[in-house]
N, C-alpha and C. Protein backbone atom coordinates (compact mmCIF):
# COMPACT_ATOMS: atom_id res chain seq x y z
N MET A 1 -2.87 11.84 13.79
CA MET A 1 -3.64 11.31 12.80
C MET A 1 -4.71 10.37 13.46
N ALA A 2 -4.87 10.48 14.63
CA ALA A 2 -5.98 9.59 15.14
C ALA A 2 -7.43 10.28 15.15
N THR A 3 -7.75 10.68 14.02
CA THR A 3 -9.16 11.49 13.83
C THR A 3 -10.02 10.27 13.83
N LYS A 4 -11.37 10.64 14.00
CA LYS A 4 -12.72 9.75 13.73
C LYS A 4 -12.70 9.10 12.40
N GLU A 5 -12.28 9.99 11.35
CA GLU A 5 -12.27 9.41 9.99
C GLU A 5 -11.15 8.47 9.74
N HIS A 6 -9.98 8.62 10.35
CA HIS A 6 -8.94 7.74 10.28
C HIS A 6 -9.16 6.39 11.00
N ARG A 7 -9.82 6.52 12.26
CA ARG A 7 -10.19 5.20 12.68
C ARG A 7 -11.10 4.41 12.06
N ARG A 8 -12.14 5.22 11.37
CA ARG A 8 -12.95 4.53 10.46
C ARG A 8 -12.40 3.88 9.37
N PHE A 9 -11.29 4.57 8.75
CA PHE A 9 -10.73 4.08 7.67
C PHE A 9 -9.92 2.68 8.11
N LEU A 10 -9.25 2.63 9.21
CA LEU A 10 -8.52 1.52 9.73
C LEU A 10 -9.60 0.41 9.71
N GLU A 11 -10.75 0.62 10.45
CA GLU A 11 -11.59 -0.59 10.61
C GLU A 11 -12.07 -1.00 9.10
N PHE A 12 -12.27 -0.30 8.18
CA PHE A 12 -12.49 -0.65 6.99
C PHE A 12 -11.40 -1.35 6.28
N ALA A 13 -10.34 -0.80 6.44
CA ALA A 13 -9.19 -1.55 5.69
C ALA A 13 -9.01 -2.78 6.37
N ASP A 14 -9.00 -3.00 7.70
CA ASP A 14 -8.79 -4.33 8.32
C ASP A 14 -9.83 -5.27 7.94
N ALA A 15 -10.99 -4.75 7.66
CA ALA A 15 -12.28 -5.68 7.20
C ALA A 15 -11.84 -6.10 5.82
N VAL A 16 -11.48 -5.33 4.89
CA VAL A 16 -11.31 -5.46 3.49
C VAL A 16 -10.20 -6.74 3.36
N ARG A 17 -9.19 -6.30 4.32
CA ARG A 17 -8.01 -7.34 4.26
C ARG A 17 -8.51 -8.66 4.77
N ARG A 18 -9.20 -8.73 5.85
CA ARG A 18 -9.64 -10.04 6.33
C ARG A 18 -10.52 -10.94 5.36
N LYS A 19 -11.51 -10.08 4.66
CA LYS A 19 -12.25 -10.85 3.65
C LYS A 19 -11.68 -11.03 2.42
N ARG A 20 -10.43 -10.36 2.03
CA ARG A 20 -9.78 -10.40 0.89
C ARG A 20 -10.70 -9.81 -0.33
N TYR A 21 -11.19 -8.64 0.01
CA TYR A 21 -11.91 -7.82 -1.02
C TYR A 21 -10.93 -6.62 -1.56
N VAL A 22 -11.35 -6.07 -2.55
CA VAL A 22 -10.82 -4.66 -2.91
C VAL A 22 -11.75 -3.64 -2.40
N GLY A 23 -11.09 -2.68 -1.69
CA GLY A 23 -11.67 -1.57 -1.14
C GLY A 23 -11.84 -0.27 -1.99
N LEU A 24 -12.86 0.44 -1.78
CA LEU A 24 -12.87 1.69 -2.58
C LEU A 24 -13.34 2.62 -1.70
N CYS A 25 -12.51 3.82 -1.39
CA CYS A 25 -12.89 4.99 -0.58
C CYS A 25 -13.29 6.12 -1.35
N PHE A 26 -14.32 6.76 -0.99
CA PHE A 26 -14.74 7.96 -1.78
C PHE A 26 -15.37 8.94 -0.63
N GLY A 27 -15.38 10.09 -1.04
CA GLY A 27 -16.01 11.13 -0.13
C GLY A 27 -15.48 12.43 -0.06
N ALA A 28 -15.85 13.42 0.48
CA ALA A 28 -15.45 14.80 0.64
C ALA A 28 -14.06 15.00 0.50
N PRO A 29 -13.57 15.95 -0.07
CA PRO A 29 -12.02 16.17 -0.07
C PRO A 29 -11.56 16.72 1.15
N GLY A 30 -10.45 16.39 1.72
CA GLY A 30 -9.80 16.92 2.91
C GLY A 30 -10.22 16.10 4.22
N VAL A 31 -10.83 15.04 4.09
CA VAL A 31 -11.03 14.37 5.45
C VAL A 31 -10.11 13.32 5.92
N GLY A 32 -9.08 13.05 4.82
CA GLY A 32 -7.99 12.26 5.11
C GLY A 32 -7.97 10.90 4.53
N LYS A 33 -8.58 10.70 3.42
CA LYS A 33 -8.59 9.39 2.87
C LYS A 33 -7.21 9.00 2.31
N THR A 34 -6.78 9.78 1.70
CA THR A 34 -5.41 9.53 1.06
C THR A 34 -4.35 9.31 2.09
N GLU A 35 -4.32 10.30 3.03
CA GLU A 35 -3.30 10.10 4.31
C GLU A 35 -3.49 8.89 4.94
N SER A 36 -4.68 8.44 5.23
CA SER A 36 -4.79 7.37 6.08
C SER A 36 -4.46 5.99 5.13
N ALA A 37 -4.67 6.08 3.85
CA ALA A 37 -4.39 4.92 3.10
C ALA A 37 -2.85 4.91 2.93
N ARG A 38 -2.20 6.06 2.93
CA ARG A 38 -0.54 6.04 2.73
C ARG A 38 -0.05 5.64 4.14
N ALA A 39 -0.70 6.00 5.22
CA ALA A 39 -0.10 5.42 6.58
C ALA A 39 -0.42 3.94 6.79
N TYR A 40 -1.54 3.48 6.22
CA TYR A 40 -1.96 2.14 6.38
C TYR A 40 -1.14 1.19 5.61
N THR A 41 -0.84 1.59 4.38
CA THR A 41 -0.08 0.75 3.49
C THR A 41 1.63 0.98 3.69
N ARG A 42 1.88 2.02 4.54
CA ARG A 42 3.31 2.32 4.62
C ARG A 42 3.81 2.70 3.26
N TRP A 43 3.02 3.48 2.46
CA TRP A 43 3.29 3.64 0.99
C TRP A 43 4.52 4.55 0.70
N ASP A 44 4.86 5.48 1.74
CA ASP A 44 6.11 6.24 1.52
C ASP A 44 7.51 5.55 1.67
N GLN A 45 7.39 4.37 2.42
CA GLN A 45 8.51 3.55 2.44
C GLN A 45 8.57 2.44 1.38
N LEU A 46 7.30 1.91 1.06
CA LEU A 46 7.22 0.89 0.19
C LEU A 46 7.27 1.26 -1.23
N ALA A 47 6.55 2.21 -1.89
CA ALA A 47 6.52 2.63 -3.13
C ALA A 47 7.84 2.72 -3.87
N PRO A 48 8.88 3.34 -3.31
CA PRO A 48 10.25 3.29 -3.99
C PRO A 48 10.77 1.85 -4.22
N ARG A 49 10.59 1.01 -3.23
CA ARG A 49 11.04 -0.31 -3.49
C ARG A 49 10.15 -1.18 -4.68
N LEU A 50 8.94 -0.80 -4.76
CA LEU A 50 8.20 -1.41 -5.72
C LEU A 50 8.43 -0.98 -7.07
N SER A 51 8.82 0.26 -7.29
CA SER A 51 9.01 0.91 -8.57
C SER A 51 10.43 0.56 -8.92
N GLY A 52 11.37 -0.06 -8.08
CA GLY A 52 12.62 -0.45 -8.48
C GLY A 52 13.66 0.72 -8.46
N THR A 53 13.24 1.93 -7.88
CA THR A 53 14.07 3.08 -7.90
C THR A 53 15.36 2.98 -6.90
N ARG A 54 15.09 2.19 -5.93
CA ARG A 54 16.13 2.14 -4.98
C ARG A 54 16.08 0.70 -4.31
N ALA A 55 17.39 0.13 -3.86
CA ALA A 55 17.37 -1.15 -3.24
C ALA A 55 16.90 -0.89 -1.74
N THR A 56 16.53 -2.10 -1.14
CA THR A 56 16.12 -2.20 0.24
C THR A 56 17.26 -1.88 1.11
N GLY A 57 17.10 -0.93 2.08
CA GLY A 57 18.14 -0.61 3.11
C GLY A 57 19.16 0.35 2.63
N THR A 58 18.86 0.93 1.49
CA THR A 58 20.04 2.01 1.04
C THR A 58 19.66 3.38 1.70
N ASP A 59 18.60 3.60 2.44
CA ASP A 59 18.29 4.91 2.97
C ASP A 59 18.05 4.83 4.29
N PRO A 60 18.72 5.65 5.21
CA PRO A 60 18.67 5.52 6.60
C PRO A 60 17.28 5.74 7.18
N THR A 61 16.30 6.27 6.35
CA THR A 61 14.84 6.42 6.87
C THR A 61 14.24 5.26 6.54
N ASP A 62 14.71 4.10 5.87
CA ASP A 62 13.93 2.92 5.54
C ASP A 62 13.28 2.35 6.90
N ALA A 63 11.99 1.92 6.81
CA ALA A 63 11.49 1.31 7.90
C ALA A 63 12.38 -0.16 8.18
N PRO A 64 12.10 -0.64 9.37
CA PRO A 64 12.76 -1.95 9.59
C PRO A 64 12.16 -3.03 8.71
N VAL A 65 13.05 -3.81 8.55
CA VAL A 65 12.65 -4.97 7.42
C VAL A 65 11.60 -5.71 7.77
N GLY A 66 11.26 -5.88 9.04
CA GLY A 66 9.98 -6.68 9.50
C GLY A 66 8.79 -5.91 9.20
N GLU A 67 8.94 -4.52 9.07
CA GLU A 67 7.58 -3.84 9.02
C GLU A 67 7.05 -3.88 7.51
N VAL A 68 7.73 -3.74 6.60
CA VAL A 68 7.27 -3.82 5.18
C VAL A 68 6.60 -5.00 4.80
N PRO A 69 7.05 -6.25 4.98
CA PRO A 69 6.42 -7.56 4.73
C PRO A 69 5.09 -7.48 5.52
N ALA A 70 4.93 -6.84 6.60
CA ALA A 70 3.73 -6.79 7.49
C ALA A 70 2.65 -5.99 6.78
N ALA A 71 3.01 -5.09 5.96
CA ALA A 71 2.04 -4.07 5.36
C ALA A 71 1.05 -4.97 4.50
N ARG A 72 1.57 -5.73 3.58
CA ARG A 72 0.81 -6.46 2.70
C ARG A 72 -0.29 -5.79 1.99
N ALA A 73 -0.18 -4.58 1.48
CA ALA A 73 -1.38 -3.83 0.94
C ALA A 73 -0.75 -2.90 -0.03
N VAL A 74 -1.35 -2.52 -0.92
CA VAL A 74 -0.81 -1.46 -2.07
C VAL A 74 -1.77 -0.50 -2.01
N LEU A 75 -1.36 0.74 -2.49
CA LEU A 75 -2.20 1.84 -2.67
C LEU A 75 -2.29 2.39 -4.09
N TYR A 76 -3.36 2.45 -4.68
CA TYR A 76 -3.56 2.61 -5.97
C TYR A 76 -4.61 3.75 -6.37
N THR A 77 -4.40 4.79 -7.07
CA THR A 77 -5.21 5.93 -7.35
C THR A 77 -5.48 5.83 -8.99
N PRO A 78 -6.69 5.45 -9.39
CA PRO A 78 -6.80 5.36 -10.79
C PRO A 78 -6.95 6.77 -11.42
N LYS A 79 -6.72 6.73 -12.69
CA LYS A 79 -6.91 8.02 -13.49
C LYS A 79 -8.56 7.98 -13.75
N VAL A 80 -8.96 9.14 -14.11
CA VAL A 80 -10.51 9.22 -14.32
C VAL A 80 -11.14 8.49 -15.46
N HIS A 81 -10.17 8.22 -16.47
CA HIS A 81 -10.71 7.50 -17.65
C HIS A 81 -10.15 6.13 -17.65
N SER A 82 -9.77 5.46 -16.63
CA SER A 82 -9.16 4.11 -16.52
C SER A 82 -10.33 3.13 -16.98
N THR A 83 -9.94 2.18 -17.87
CA THR A 83 -10.69 1.05 -18.16
C THR A 83 -10.74 -0.07 -17.14
N PRO A 84 -11.61 -0.98 -16.95
CA PRO A 84 -11.44 -2.05 -16.10
C PRO A 84 -10.26 -2.95 -16.31
N LEU A 85 -10.04 -3.10 -17.60
CA LEU A 85 -8.71 -3.85 -18.01
C LEU A 85 -7.34 -3.17 -17.55
N HIS A 86 -7.40 -1.79 -17.65
CA HIS A 86 -6.19 -1.11 -17.31
C HIS A 86 -6.03 -1.14 -15.71
N LEU A 87 -7.26 -1.11 -14.92
CA LEU A 87 -7.21 -1.26 -13.52
C LEU A 87 -6.74 -2.52 -13.19
N ASP A 88 -7.24 -3.55 -13.88
CA ASP A 88 -6.75 -4.86 -13.47
C ASP A 88 -5.30 -5.21 -13.71
N LYS A 89 -4.75 -4.57 -14.83
CA LYS A 89 -3.48 -4.79 -15.16
C LYS A 89 -2.48 -4.11 -14.13
N GLU A 90 -2.87 -2.84 -13.73
CA GLU A 90 -2.04 -1.89 -12.88
C GLU A 90 -2.11 -2.43 -11.38
N ILE A 91 -3.12 -2.80 -11.04
CA ILE A 91 -3.31 -3.48 -9.62
C ILE A 91 -2.75 -4.70 -9.45
N SER A 92 -2.78 -5.62 -10.64
CA SER A 92 -2.20 -6.99 -10.44
C SER A 92 -0.49 -6.63 -10.54
N TYR A 93 0.00 -5.73 -11.21
CA TYR A 93 1.38 -5.39 -11.39
C TYR A 93 1.92 -5.04 -10.09
N LEU A 94 1.10 -4.02 -9.28
CA LEU A 94 1.61 -3.55 -7.95
C LEU A 94 1.60 -4.74 -6.99
N CYS A 95 0.59 -5.73 -6.95
CA CYS A 95 0.44 -6.80 -6.07
C CYS A 95 1.75 -7.74 -6.36
N ASP A 96 1.97 -7.92 -7.67
CA ASP A 96 3.16 -8.84 -8.12
C ASP A 96 4.34 -8.12 -7.52
N ARG A 97 4.64 -6.91 -7.61
CA ARG A 97 5.82 -6.29 -7.25
C ARG A 97 5.80 -6.39 -5.67
N LEU A 98 4.80 -6.23 -4.94
CA LEU A 98 4.78 -6.47 -3.47
C LEU A 98 5.19 -7.90 -3.21
N GLY A 99 4.81 -8.70 -3.75
CA GLY A 99 5.19 -10.11 -3.53
C GLY A 99 6.58 -10.26 -3.80
N TRP A 100 7.09 -9.85 -4.79
CA TRP A 100 8.60 -9.88 -5.15
C TRP A 100 9.37 -9.32 -4.08
N THR A 101 8.90 -7.93 -3.67
CA THR A 101 9.82 -7.39 -2.91
C THR A 101 9.73 -7.92 -1.40
N VAL A 102 8.65 -8.35 -1.09
CA VAL A 102 8.50 -8.94 0.27
C VAL A 102 9.43 -10.22 0.24
N GLU A 103 9.31 -11.17 -0.77
CA GLU A 103 10.20 -12.23 -1.01
C GLU A 103 11.64 -12.03 -0.86
N LEU A 104 12.21 -10.81 -1.61
CA LEU A 104 13.51 -10.49 -1.53
C LEU A 104 13.78 -10.05 -0.17
N MET A 105 12.96 -9.32 0.50
CA MET A 105 13.43 -8.80 1.79
C MET A 105 13.51 -9.87 2.88
N LEU A 106 12.63 -11.00 2.64
CA LEU A 106 12.73 -12.14 3.58
C LEU A 106 13.88 -12.89 3.30
N ARG A 107 14.24 -12.99 2.13
CA ARG A 107 15.47 -13.86 1.85
C ARG A 107 16.51 -13.22 2.37
N SER A 108 16.73 -11.86 2.24
CA SER A 108 18.03 -11.15 2.77
C SER A 108 18.03 -11.19 4.15
N CYS A 109 16.95 -11.33 5.00
CA CYS A 109 17.12 -11.57 6.51
C CYS A 109 17.56 -12.99 6.88
N VAL A 110 17.51 -13.83 6.00
CA VAL A 110 17.84 -15.30 6.41
C VAL A 110 19.29 -15.32 6.32
């Protein structure tokens, strides 16, 4: 996954995170935007915990507990006809769920 586009995405994502901005990626299909974002946010391990579909540590493929709090990013793909209010609500919900999940994971380590 170490393509030129992936490295550019990582630079972009790190800058967005440092400056505390919301990042928006767009471009030609098939260059790896979604895959890079999924890898950066560790979305495959994180999403089931945020949706509440399973508890932390119940799957042998779960990432180590220390890795998920380190992600501190969410992945959101809006629908074509989303309103700004809808975007705000959904992204805020995901960010809140991430905060709660990280808190619970950190408490369970203590």
